[in-house]
Amino acid sequence: MTQITCPHCGDTYTYVDAAHLCSRGPHAPKPMPTMNERIRELAEQATSIQGPTPYNPLTFEVFDKEKFAELIVRECADIATINQHQWHSAGSYVLKHFGVEE
């Protein structure tokens, strides 16, 4: 089979490999950012288990986006209230609290 060398990452793959993903370089997939443990906890609080029903014997998870957003806003409000004497650093503190880089 014919081998092709990717001009972006230098990997070689067969001509029929239409789904080539670069392993390195600017076109390689970027790793997902890690999430702060507190955000995971809030996401779990916004997720509920549904089912079974008379028509569907399976159970499944339902993620409530509005509840998740509300939990994050409440957490930010609590942080701002705790740090109200330091308004200049409340935003930085919120970003740090959730593990978001400035």
PDB file of N, CA and C in Angstrom:
ATOM      1  N   MET A   1       0.832  -1.184   0.000  1.00  0.00           N
ATOM      2  CA  MET A   1       0.000   0.000   0.000  1.00  0.00           C
ATOM      3  C   MET A   1       0.879   1.252   0.000  1.00  0.00           C
ATOM      4  N   THR A   2       0.347   2.285  -0.547  1.00  0.00           N
ATOM      5  CA  THR A   2       1.062   3.547  -0.635  1.00  0.00           C
ATOM      6  C   THR A   2       1.090   4.229   0.726  1.00  0.00           C
ATOM      7  N   GLN A   3       2.253   4.703   1.118  1.00  0.00           N
ATOM      8  CA  GLN A   3       2.416   5.414   2.383  1.00  0.00           C
ATOM      9  C   GLN A   3       2.474   6.914   2.107  1.00  0.00           C
ATOM     10  N   ILE A   4       1.838   7.678   2.971  1.00  0.00           N
ATOM     11  CA  ILE A   4       1.837   9.136   2.867  1.00  0.00           C
ATOM     12  C   ILE A   4       2.474   9.683   4.133  1.00  0.00           C
ATOM     13  N   THR A   5       3.266  10.728   3.991  1.00  0.00           N
ATOM     14  CA  THR A   5       3.839  11.407   5.153  1.00  0.00           C
ATOM     15  C   THR A   5       3.078  12.701   5.356  1.00  0.00           C
ATOM     16  N   CYS A   6       2.554  12.884   6.553  1.00  0.00           N
ATOM     17  CA  CYS A   6       1.788  14.091   6.876  1.00  0.00           C
ATOM     18  C   CYS A   6       2.739  15.296   6.897  1.00  0.00           C
ATOM     19  N   PRO A   7       2.410  16.350   6.178  1.00  0.00           N
ATOM     20  CA  PRO A   7       3.284  17.528   6.156  1.00  0.00           C
ATOM     21  C   PRO A   7       3.271  18.313   7.466  1.00  0.00           C
ATOM     22  N   HIS A   8       2.299  18.038   8.305  1.00  0.00           N
ATOM     23  CA  HIS A   8       2.157  18.793   9.555  1.00  0.00           C
ATOM     24  C   HIS A   8       2.902  18.161  10.720  1.00  0.00           C
ATOM     25  N   CYS A   9       2.810  16.830  10.826  1.00  0.00           N
ATOM     26  CA  CYS A   9       3.402  16.175  12.001  1.00  0.00           C
ATOM     27  C   CYS A   9       4.510  15.181  11.644  1.00  0.00           C
ATOM     28  N   GLY A  10       4.612  14.811  10.368  1.00  0.00           N
ATOM     29  CA  GLY A  10       5.647  13.877   9.952  1.00  0.00           C
ATOM     30  C   GLY A  10       5.256  12.414  10.078  1.00  0.00           C
ATOM     31  N   ASP A  11       4.064  12.116  10.568  1.00  0.00           N
ATOM     32  CA  ASP A  11       3.608  10.730  10.672  1.00  0.00           C
ATOM     33  C   ASP A  11       3.415  10.149   9.277  1.00  0.00           C
ATOM     34  N   THR A  12       3.642   8.848   9.156  1.00  0.00           N
ATOM     35  CA  THR A  12       3.332   8.167   7.905  1.00  0.00           C
ATOM     36  C   THR A  12       2.107   7.296   8.139  1.00  0.00           C
ATOM     37  N   TYR A  13       1.265   7.235   7.127  1.00  0.00           N
ATOM     38  CA  TYR A  13       0.050   6.442   7.214  1.00  0.00           C
ATOM     39  C   TYR A  13      -0.310   5.965   5.820  1.00  0.00           C
ATOM     40  N   THR A  14      -1.182   4.968   5.746  1.00  0.00           N
ATOM     41  CA  THR A  14      -1.537   4.412   4.438  1.00  0.00           C
ATOM     42  C   THR A  14      -2.463   5.365   3.698  1.00  0.00           C
ATOM     43  N   TYR A  15      -2.424   5.279   2.393  1.00  0.00           N
ATOM     44  CA  TYR A  15      -3.217   6.138   1.521  1.00  0.00           C
ATOM     45  C   TYR A  15      -4.714   6.047   1.847  1.00  0.00           C
ATOM     46  N   VAL A  16      -5.170   4.880   2.295  1.00  0.00           N
ATOM     47  CA  VAL A  16      -6.596   4.682   2.560  1.00  0.00           C
ATOM     48  C   VAL A  16      -7.017   5.183   3.935  1.00  0.00           C
ATOM     49  N   ASP A  17      -6.061   5.645   4.742  1.00  0.00           N
ATOM     50  CA  ASP A  17      -6.387   6.147   6.085  1.00  0.00           C
ATOM     51  C   ASP A  17      -6.914   7.575   5.972  1.00  0.00           C
ATOM     52  N   ALA A  18      -8.216   7.698   5.757  1.00  0.00           N
ATOM     53  CA  ALA A  18      -8.819   9.017   5.566  1.00  0.00           C
ATOM     54  C   ALA A  18      -9.022   9.758   6.888  1.00  0.00           C
ATOM     55  N   ALA A  19      -8.808   9.091   7.995  1.00  0.00           N
ATOM     56  CA  ALA A  19      -9.069   9.704   9.293  1.00  0.00           C
ATOM     57  C   ALA A  19      -7.788   9.981  10.058  1.00  0.00           C
ATOM     58  N   HIS A  20      -6.735  10.392   9.365  1.00  0.00           N
ATOM     59  CA  HIS A  20      -5.459  10.673  10.022  1.00  0.00           C
ATOM     60  C   HIS A  20      -5.594  11.848  10.982  1.00  0.00           C
ATOM     61  N   LEU A  21      -5.073  11.674  12.193  1.00  0.00           N
ATOM     62  CA  LEU A  21      -4.966  12.751  13.176  1.00  0.00           C
ATOM     63  C   LEU A  21      -3.497  12.942  13.479  1.00  0.00           C
ATOM     64  N   CYS A  22      -3.048  14.171  13.372  1.00  0.00           N
ATOM     65  CA  CYS A  22      -1.646  14.469  13.668  1.00  0.00           C
ATOM     66  C   CYS A  22      -1.353  14.120  15.123  1.00  0.00           C
ATOM     67  N   SER A  23      -0.182  13.535  15.362  1.00  0.00           N
ATOM     68  CA  SER A  23       0.191  13.159  16.728  1.00  0.00           C
ATOM     69  C   SER A  23       0.939  14.271  17.445  1.00  0.00           C
ATOM     70  N   ARG A  24       1.422  15.258  16.682  1.00  0.00           N
ATOM     71  CA  ARG A  24       2.163  16.369  17.276  1.00  0.00           C
ATOM     72  C   ARG A  24       2.073  17.560  16.320  1.00  0.00           C
ATOM     73  N   GLY A  25       2.509  18.686  16.795  1.00  0.00           N
ATOM     74  CA  GLY A  25       2.490  19.876  15.957  1.00  0.00           C
ATOM     75  C   GLY A  25       1.215  20.683  16.107  1.00  0.00           C
ATOM     76  N   PRO A  26       1.067  21.737  15.295  1.00  0.00           N
ATOM     77  CA  PRO A  26      -0.062  22.664  15.460  1.00  0.00           C
ATOM     78  C   PRO A  26      -1.415  22.071  15.098  1.00  0.00           C
ATOM     79  N   HIS A  27      -1.445  20.970  14.366  1.00  0.00           N
ATOM     80  CA  HIS A  27      -2.718  20.367  13.964  1.00  0.00           C
ATOM     81  C   HIS A  27      -3.117  19.172  14.831  1.00  0.00           C
ATOM     82  N   ALA A  28      -2.310  18.863  15.825  1.00  0.00           N
ATOM     83  CA  ALA A  28      -2.631  17.745  16.720  1.00  0.00           C
ATOM     84  C   ALA A  28      -3.798  18.137  17.622  1.00  0.00           C
ATOM     85  N   PRO A  29      -4.647  17.176  17.993  1.00  0.00           N
ATOM     86  CA  PRO A  29      -5.741  17.481  18.907  1.00  0.00           C
ATOM     87  C   PRO A  29      -5.197  18.029  20.224  1.00  0.00           C
ATOM     88  N   LYS A  30      -5.866  19.033  20.745  1.00  0.00           N
ATOM     89  CA  LYS A  30      -5.460  19.640  22.008  1.00  0.00           C
ATOM     90  C   LYS A  30      -6.125  18.879  23.161  1.00  0.00           C
ATOM     91  N   PRO A  31      -5.392  18.641  24.245  1.00  0.00           N
ATOM     92  CA  PRO A  31      -6.019  17.955  25.377  1.00  0.00           C
ATOM     93  C   PRO A  31      -7.090  18.845  26.002  1.00  0.00           C
ATOM     94  N   MET A  32      -8.111  18.198  26.507  1.00  0.00           N
ATOM     95  CA  MET A  32      -9.172  18.939  27.181  1.00  0.00           C
ATOM     96  C   MET A  32      -8.620  19.547  28.454  1.00  0.00           C
ATOM     97  N   PRO A  33      -9.012  20.793  28.757  1.00  0.00           N
ATOM     98  CA  PRO A  33      -8.525  21.395  29.999  1.00  0.00           C
ATOM     99  C   PRO A  33      -9.058  20.627  31.208  1.00  0.00           C
ATOM    100  N   THR A  34      -8.260  20.581  32.241  1.00  0.00           N
ATOM    101  CA  THR A  34      -8.710  19.893  33.441  1.00  0.00           C
ATOM    102  C   THR A  34      -9.702  20.785  34.183  1.00  0.00           C
ATOM    103  N   MET A  35     -10.612  20.150  34.871  1.00  0.00           N
ATOM    104  CA  MET A  35     -11.653  20.873  35.569  1.00  0.00           C
ATOM    105  C   MET A  35     -11.397  20.813  37.070  1.00  0.00           C
ATOM    106  N   ASN A  36     -11.587  21.918  37.708  1.00  0.00           N
ATOM    107  CA  ASN A  36     -11.467  22.012  39.145  1.00  0.00           C
ATOM    108  C   ASN A  36     -12.446  21.041  39.809  1.00  0.00           C
ATOM    109  N   GLU A  37     -12.045  20.455  40.905  1.00  0.00           N
ATOM    110  CA  GLU A  37     -12.887  19.486  41.617  1.00  0.00           C
ATOM    111  C   GLU A  37     -14.221  20.105  42.050  1.00  0.00           C
ATOM    112  N   ARG A  38     -14.216  21.387  42.407  1.00  0.00           N
ATOM    113  CA  ARG A  38     -15.453  22.037  42.843  1.00  0.00           C
ATOM    114  C   ARG A  38     -16.457  22.105  41.688  1.00  0.00           C
ATOM    115  N   ILE A  39     -15.982  22.358  40.464  1.00  0.00           N
ATOM    116  CA  ILE A  39     -16.879  22.386  39.310  1.00  0.00           C
ATOM    117  C   ILE A  39     -17.468  21.004  39.084  1.00  0.00           C
ATOM    118  N   ARG A  40     -16.660  19.957  39.264  1.00  0.00           N
ATOM    119  CA  ARG A  40     -17.188  18.584  39.154  1.00  0.00           C
ATOM    120  C   ARG A  40     -18.299  18.342  40.179  1.00  0.00           C
ATOM    121  N   GLU A  41     -18.067  18.813  41.405  1.00  0.00           N
ATOM    122  CA  GLU A  41     -19.082  18.641  42.454  1.00  0.00           C
ATOM    123  C   GLU A  41     -20.377  19.365  42.085  1.00  0.00           C
ATOM    124  N   LEU A  42     -20.256  20.592  41.559  1.00  0.00           N
ATOM    125  CA  LEU A  42     -21.447  21.346  41.165  1.00  0.00           C
ATOM    126  C   LEU A  42     -22.161  20.655  40.005  1.00  0.00           C
ATOM    127  N   ALA A  43     -21.402  20.092  39.067  1.00  0.00           N
ATOM    128  CA  ALA A  43     -22.008  19.360  37.950  1.00  0.00           C
ATOM    129  C   ALA A  43     -22.765  18.134  38.458  1.00  0.00           C
ATOM    130  N   GLU A  44     -22.203  17.457  39.447  1.00  0.00           N
ATOM    131  CA  GLU A  44     -22.896  16.297  40.033  1.00  0.00           C
ATOM    132  C   GLU A  44     -24.185  16.726  40.718  1.00  0.00           C
ATOM    133  N   GLN A  45     -24.151  17.885  41.398  1.00  0.00           N
ATOM    134  CA  GLN A  45     -25.362  18.383  42.060  1.00  0.00           C
ATOM    135  C   GLN A  45     -26.443  18.742  41.043  1.00  0.00           C
ATOM    136  N   ALA A  46     -26.046  19.104  39.829  1.00  0.00           N
ATOM    137  CA  ALA A  46     -27.002  19.479  38.786  1.00  0.00           C
ATOM    138  C   ALA A  46     -27.450  18.278  37.951  1.00  0.00           C
ATOM    139  N   THR A  47     -27.005  17.094  38.310  1.00  0.00           N
ATOM    140  CA  THR A  47     -27.360  15.877  37.578  1.00  0.00           C
ATOM    141  C   THR A  47     -28.264  15.011  38.442  1.00  0.00           C
ATOM    142  N   SER A  48     -29.333  14.528  37.837  1.00  0.00           N
ATOM    143  CA  SER A  48     -30.247  13.650  38.568  1.00  0.00           C
ATOM    144  C   SER A  48     -30.438  12.353  37.792  1.00  0.00           C
ATOM    145  N   ILE A  49     -30.879  11.335  38.500  1.00  0.00           N
ATOM    146  CA  ILE A  49     -31.163  10.032  37.890  1.00  0.00           C
ATOM    147  C   ILE A  49     -32.662   9.966  37.620  1.00  0.00           C
ATOM    148  N   GLN A  50     -33.024   9.637  36.401  1.00  0.00           N
ATOM    149  CA  GLN A  50     -34.424   9.529  36.005  1.00  0.00           C
ATOM    150  C   GLN A  50     -34.729   8.070  35.666  1.00  0.00           C
ATOM    151  N   GLY A  51     -35.981   7.692  35.848  1.00  0.00           N
ATOM    152  CA  GLY A  51     -36.430   6.358  35.472  1.00  0.00           C
ATOM    153  C   GLY A  51     -36.376   5.403  36.648  1.00  0.00           C
ATOM    154  N   PRO A  52     -36.722   4.201  36.498  1.00  0.00           N
ATOM    155  CA  PRO A  52     -37.443   3.682  35.346  1.00  0.00           C
ATOM    156  C   PRO A  52     -38.897   4.158  35.345  1.00  0.00           C
ATOM    157  N   THR A  53     -39.539   4.044  34.199  1.00  0.00           N
ATOM    158  CA  THR A  53     -40.960   4.392  34.060  1.00  0.00           C
ATOM    159  C   THR A  53     -41.701   3.153  33.593  1.00  0.00           C
ATOM    160  N   PRO A  54     -43.014   3.211  33.627  1.00  0.00           N
ATOM    161  CA  PRO A  54     -43.766   2.051  33.123  1.00  0.00           C
ATOM    162  C   PRO A  54     -43.462   1.752  31.649  1.00  0.00           C
ATOM    163  N   TYR A  55     -43.042   2.778  30.901  1.00  0.00           N
ATOM    164  CA  TYR A  55     -42.786   2.594  29.475  1.00  0.00           C
ATOM    165  C   TYR A  55     -41.316   2.350  29.152  1.00  0.00           C
ATOM    166  N   ASN A  56     -40.431   2.661  30.096  1.00  0.00           N
ATOM    167  CA  ASN A  56     -38.999   2.517  29.863  1.00  0.00           C
ATOM    168  C   ASN A  56     -38.340   1.993  31.143  1.00  0.00           C
ATOM    169  N   PRO A  57     -37.856   0.754  31.133  1.00  0.00           N
ATOM    170  CA  PRO A  57     -37.284   0.170  32.344  1.00  0.00           C
ATOM    171  C   PRO A  57     -35.875   0.672  32.670  1.00  0.00           C
ATOM    172  N   LEU A  58     -35.289   1.495  31.802  1.00  0.00           N
ATOM    173  CA  LEU A  58     -33.923   1.951  32.011  1.00  0.00           C
ATOM    174  C   LEU A  58     -33.874   3.220  32.859  1.00  0.00           C
ATOM    175  N   THR A  59     -32.750   3.398  33.541  1.00  0.00           N
ATOM    176  CA  THR A  59     -32.506   4.657  34.240  1.00  0.00           C
ATOM    177  C   THR A  59     -31.449   5.426  33.459  1.00  0.00           C
ATOM    178  N   PHE A  60     -31.469   6.739  33.578  1.00  0.00           N
ATOM    179  CA  PHE A  60     -30.500   7.569  32.869  1.00  0.00           C
ATOM    180  C   PHE A  60     -30.273   8.857  33.642  1.00  0.00           C
ATOM    181  N   GLU A  61     -29.131   9.487  33.365  1.00  0.00           N
ATOM    182  CA  GLU A  61     -28.784  10.736  34.023  1.00  0.00           C
ATOM    183  C   GLU A  61     -29.311  11.913  33.210  1.00  0.00           C
ATOM    184  N   VAL A  62     -29.811  12.927  33.927  1.00  0.00           N
ATOM    185  CA  VAL A  62     -30.273  14.152  33.289  1.00  0.00           C
ATOM    186  C   VAL A  62     -29.483  15.306  33.892  1.00  0.00           C
ATOM    187  N   PHE A  63     -28.828  16.077  33.020  1.00  0.00           N
ATOM    188  CA  PHE A  63     -28.028  17.216  33.456  1.00  0.00           C
ATOM    189  C   PHE A  63     -28.858  18.481  33.283  1.00  0.00           C
ATOM    190  N   ASP A  64     -29.077  19.208  34.384  1.00  0.00           N
ATOM    191  CA  ASP A  64     -29.864  20.439  34.367  1.00  0.00           C
ATOM    192  C   ASP A  64     -28.917  21.626  34.214  1.00  0.00           C
ATOM    193  N   LYS A  65     -28.813  22.168  32.993  1.00  0.00           N
ATOM    194  CA  LYS A  65     -27.892  23.265  32.711  1.00  0.00           C
ATOM    195  C   LYS A  65     -28.224  24.514  33.517  1.00  0.00           C
ATOM    196  N   GLU A  66     -29.520  24.801  33.680  1.00  0.00           N
ATOM    197  CA  GLU A  66     -29.911  25.998  34.432  1.00  0.00           C
ATOM    198  C   GLU A  66     -29.522  25.874  35.900  1.00  0.00           C
ATOM    199  N   LYS A  67     -29.711  24.695  36.478  1.00  0.00           N
ATOM    200  CA  LYS A  67     -29.329  24.489  37.869  1.00  0.00           C
ATOM    201  C   LYS A  67     -27.817  24.604  38.025  1.00  0.00           C
ATOM    202  N   PHE A  68     -27.068  24.049  37.075  1.00  0.00           N
ATOM    203  CA  PHE A  68     -25.611  24.137  37.107  1.00  0.00           C
ATOM    204  C   PHE A  68     -25.164  25.596  37.076  1.00  0.00           C
ATOM    205  N   ALA A  69     -25.742  26.384  36.159  1.00  0.00           N
ATOM    206  CA  ALA A  69     -25.402  27.805  36.070  1.00  0.00           C
ATOM    207  C   ALA A  69     -25.749  28.519  37.380  1.00  0.00           C
ATOM    208  N   GLU A  70     -26.911  28.216  37.942  1.00  0.00           N
ATOM    209  CA  GLU A  70     -27.317  28.845  39.204  1.00  0.00           C
ATOM    210  C   GLU A  70     -26.345  28.493  40.325  1.00  0.00           C
ATOM    211  N   LEU A  71     -25.913  27.238  40.397  1.00  0.00           N
ATOM    212  CA  LEU A  71     -24.963  26.831  41.432  1.00  0.00           C
ATOM    213  C   LEU A  71     -23.634  27.575  41.288  1.00  0.00           C
ATOM    214  N   ILE A  72     -23.174  27.760  40.058  1.00  0.00           N
ATOM    215  CA  ILE A  72     -21.929  28.494  39.835  1.00  0.00           C
ATOM    216  C   ILE A  72     -22.094  29.958  40.246  1.00  0.00           C
ATOM    217  N   VAL A  73     -23.220  30.568  39.854  1.00  0.00           N
ATOM    218  CA  VAL A  73     -23.452  31.975  40.211  1.00  0.00           C
ATOM    219  C   VAL A  73     -23.532  32.137  41.720  1.00  0.00           C
ATOM    220  N   ARG A  74     -24.221  31.224  42.387  1.00  0.00           N
ATOM    221  CA  ARG A  74     -24.306  31.306  43.856  1.00  0.00           C
ATOM    222  C   ARG A  74     -22.928  31.167  44.500  1.00  0.00           C
ATOM    223  N   GLU A  75     -22.125  30.253  43.969  1.00  0.00           N
ATOM    224  CA  GLU A  75     -20.768  30.065  44.493  1.00  0.00           C
ATOM    225  C   GLU A  75     -19.947  31.346  44.310  1.00  0.00           C
ATOM    226  N   CYS A  76     -20.068  31.970  43.146  1.00  0.00           N
ATOM    227  CA  CYS A  76     -19.348  33.229  42.887  1.00  0.00           C
ATOM    228  C   CYS A  76     -19.834  34.339  43.808  1.00  0.00           C
ATOM    229  N   ALA A  77     -21.144  34.401  44.016  1.00  0.00           N
ATOM    230  CA  ALA A  77     -21.691  35.419  44.915  1.00  0.00           C
ATOM    231  C   ALA A  77     -21.177  35.217  46.338  1.00  0.00           C
ATOM    232  N   ASP A  78     -21.112  33.975  46.781  1.00  0.00           N
ATOM    233  CA  ASP A  78     -20.579  33.691  48.116  1.00  0.00           C
ATOM    234  C   ASP A  78     -19.124  34.130  48.221  1.00  0.00           C
ATOM    235  N   ILE A  79     -18.349  33.844  47.188  1.00  0.00           N
ATOM    236  CA  ILE A  79     -16.932  34.223  47.191  1.00  0.00           C
ATOM    237  C   ILE A  79     -16.796  35.739  47.232  1.00  0.00           C
ATOM    238  N   ALA A  80     -17.618  36.446  46.424  1.00  0.00           N
ATOM    239  CA  ALA A  80     -17.555  37.908  46.394  1.00  0.00           C
ATOM    240  C   ALA A  80     -17.965  38.491  47.744  1.00  0.00           C
ATOM    241  N   THR A  81     -18.966  37.881  48.396  1.00  0.00           N
ATOM    242  CA  THR A  81     -19.410  38.363  49.699  1.00  0.00           C
ATOM    243  C   THR A  81     -18.318  38.179  50.747  1.00  0.00           C
ATOM    244  N   ILE A  82     -17.684  37.024  50.727  1.00  0.00           N
ATOM    245  CA  ILE A  82     -16.604  36.749  51.681  1.00  0.00           C
ATOM    246  C   ILE A  82     -15.453  37.721  51.480  1.00  0.00           C
ATOM    247  N   ASN A  83     -15.178  38.075  50.214  1.00  0.00           N
ATOM    248  CA  ASN A  83     -14.045  38.936  49.877  1.00  0.00           C
ATOM    249  C   ASN A  83     -14.460  40.376  49.572  1.00  0.00           C
ATOM    250  N   GLN A  84     -15.596  40.842  50.102  1.00  0.00           N
ATOM    251  CA  GLN A  84     -16.090  42.166  49.731  1.00  0.00           C
ATOM    252  C   GLN A  84     -15.154  43.298  50.144  1.00  0.00           C
ATOM    253  N   HIS A  85     -14.324  43.078  51.154  1.00  0.00           N
ATOM    254  CA  HIS A  85     -13.377  44.112  51.554  1.00  0.00           C
ATOM    255  C   HIS A  85     -12.161  44.156  50.631  1.00  0.00           C
ATOM    256  N   GLN A  86     -12.080  43.186  49.707  1.00  0.00           N
ATOM    257  CA  GLN A  86     -10.963  43.125  48.766  1.00  0.00           C
ATOM    258  C   GLN A  86     -11.502  43.035  47.337  1.00  0.00           C
ATOM    259  N   TRP A  87     -12.349  43.970  46.926  1.00  0.00           N
ATOM    260  CA  TRP A  87     -12.994  43.890  45.617  1.00  0.00           C
ATOM    261  C   TRP A  87     -12.006  43.731  44.482  1.00  0.00           C
ATOM    262  N   HIS A  88     -10.844  44.330  44.599  1.00  0.00           N
ATOM    263  CA  HIS A  88      -9.883  44.247  43.507  1.00  0.00           C
ATOM    264  C   HIS A  88      -9.390  42.831  43.263  1.00  0.00           C
ATOM    265  N   SER A  89      -9.517  41.957  44.246  1.00  0.00           N
ATOM    266  CA  SER A  89      -9.017  40.597  44.068  1.00  0.00           C
ATOM    267  C   SER A  89     -10.120  39.542  44.027  1.00  0.00           C
ATOM    268  N   ALA A  90     -11.374  39.943  44.143  1.00  0.00           N
ATOM    269  CA  ALA A  90     -12.462  38.957  44.148  1.00  0.00           C
ATOM    270  C   ALA A  90     -12.521  38.194  42.823  1.00  0.00           C
ATOM    271  N   GLY A  91     -12.359  38.913  41.708  1.00  0.00           N
ATOM    272  CA  GLY A  91     -12.394  38.249  40.407  1.00  0.00           C
ATOM    273  C   GLY A  91     -11.272  37.242  40.266  1.00  0.00           C
ATOM    274  N   SER A  92     -10.079  37.636  40.664  1.00  0.00           N
ATOM    275  CA  SER A  92      -8.938  36.719  40.602  1.00  0.00           C
ATOM    276  C   SER A  92      -9.168  35.518  41.502  1.00  0.00           C
ATOM    277  N   TYR A  93      -9.753  35.765  42.660  1.00  0.00           N
ATOM    278  CA  TYR A  93     -10.011  34.682  43.598  1.00  0.00           C
ATOM    279  C   TYR A  93     -11.030  33.699  43.012  1.00  0.00           C
ATOM    280  N   VAL A  94     -12.081  34.206  42.352  1.00  0.00           N
ATOM    281  CA  VAL A  94     -13.092  33.339  41.737  1.00  0.00           C
ATOM    282  C   VAL A  94     -12.443  32.473  40.663  1.00  0.00           C
ATOM    283  N   LEU A  95     -11.618  33.094  39.808  1.00  0.00           N
ATOM    284  CA  LEU A  95     -10.930  32.313  38.771  1.00  0.00           C
ATOM    285  C   LEU A  95     -10.056  31.233  39.380  1.00  0.00           C
ATOM    286  N   LYS A  96      -9.322  31.588  40.414  1.00  0.00           N
ATOM    287  CA  LYS A  96      -8.448  30.609  41.078  1.00  0.00           C
ATOM    288  C   LYS A  96      -9.276  29.508  41.733  1.00  0.00           C
ATOM    289  N   HIS A  97     -10.392  29.879  42.357  1.00  0.00           N
ATOM    290  CA  HIS A  97     -11.265  28.935  43.044  1.00  0.00           C
ATOM    291  C   HIS A  97     -11.752  27.837  42.115  1.00  0.00           C
ATOM    292  N   PHE A  98     -12.088  28.232  40.859  1.00  0.00           N
ATOM    293  CA  PHE A  98     -12.600  27.269  39.890  1.00  0.00           C
ATOM    294  C   PHE A  98     -11.514  26.687  39.001  1.00  0.00           C
ATOM    295  N   GLY A  99     -10.261  27.051  39.240  1.00  0.00           N
ATOM    296  CA  GLY A  99      -9.152  26.495  38.474  1.00  0.00           C
ATOM    297  C   GLY A  99      -9.087  27.021  37.049  1.00  0.00           C
ATOM    298  N   VAL A 100      -9.519  28.264  36.837  1.00  0.00           N
ATOM    299  CA  VAL A 100      -9.482  28.882  35.522  1.00  0.00           C
ATOM    300  C   VAL A 100      -8.280  29.815  35.472  1.00  0.00           C
ATOM    301  N   GLU A 101      -7.496  29.692  34.404  1.00  0.00           N
ATOM    302  CA  GLU A 101      -6.316  30.534  34.276  1.00  0.00           C
ATOM    303  C   GLU A 101      -6.723  31.918  33.806  1.00  0.00           C
ATOM    304  N   GLU A 102      -6.031  32.938  34.327  1.00  0.00           N
ATOM    305  CA  GLU A 102      -6.321  34.322  33.912  1.00  0.00           C
ATOM    306  C   GLU A 102      -5.713  34.610  32.574  1.00  0.00           C
TER     307      GLU A 102
END
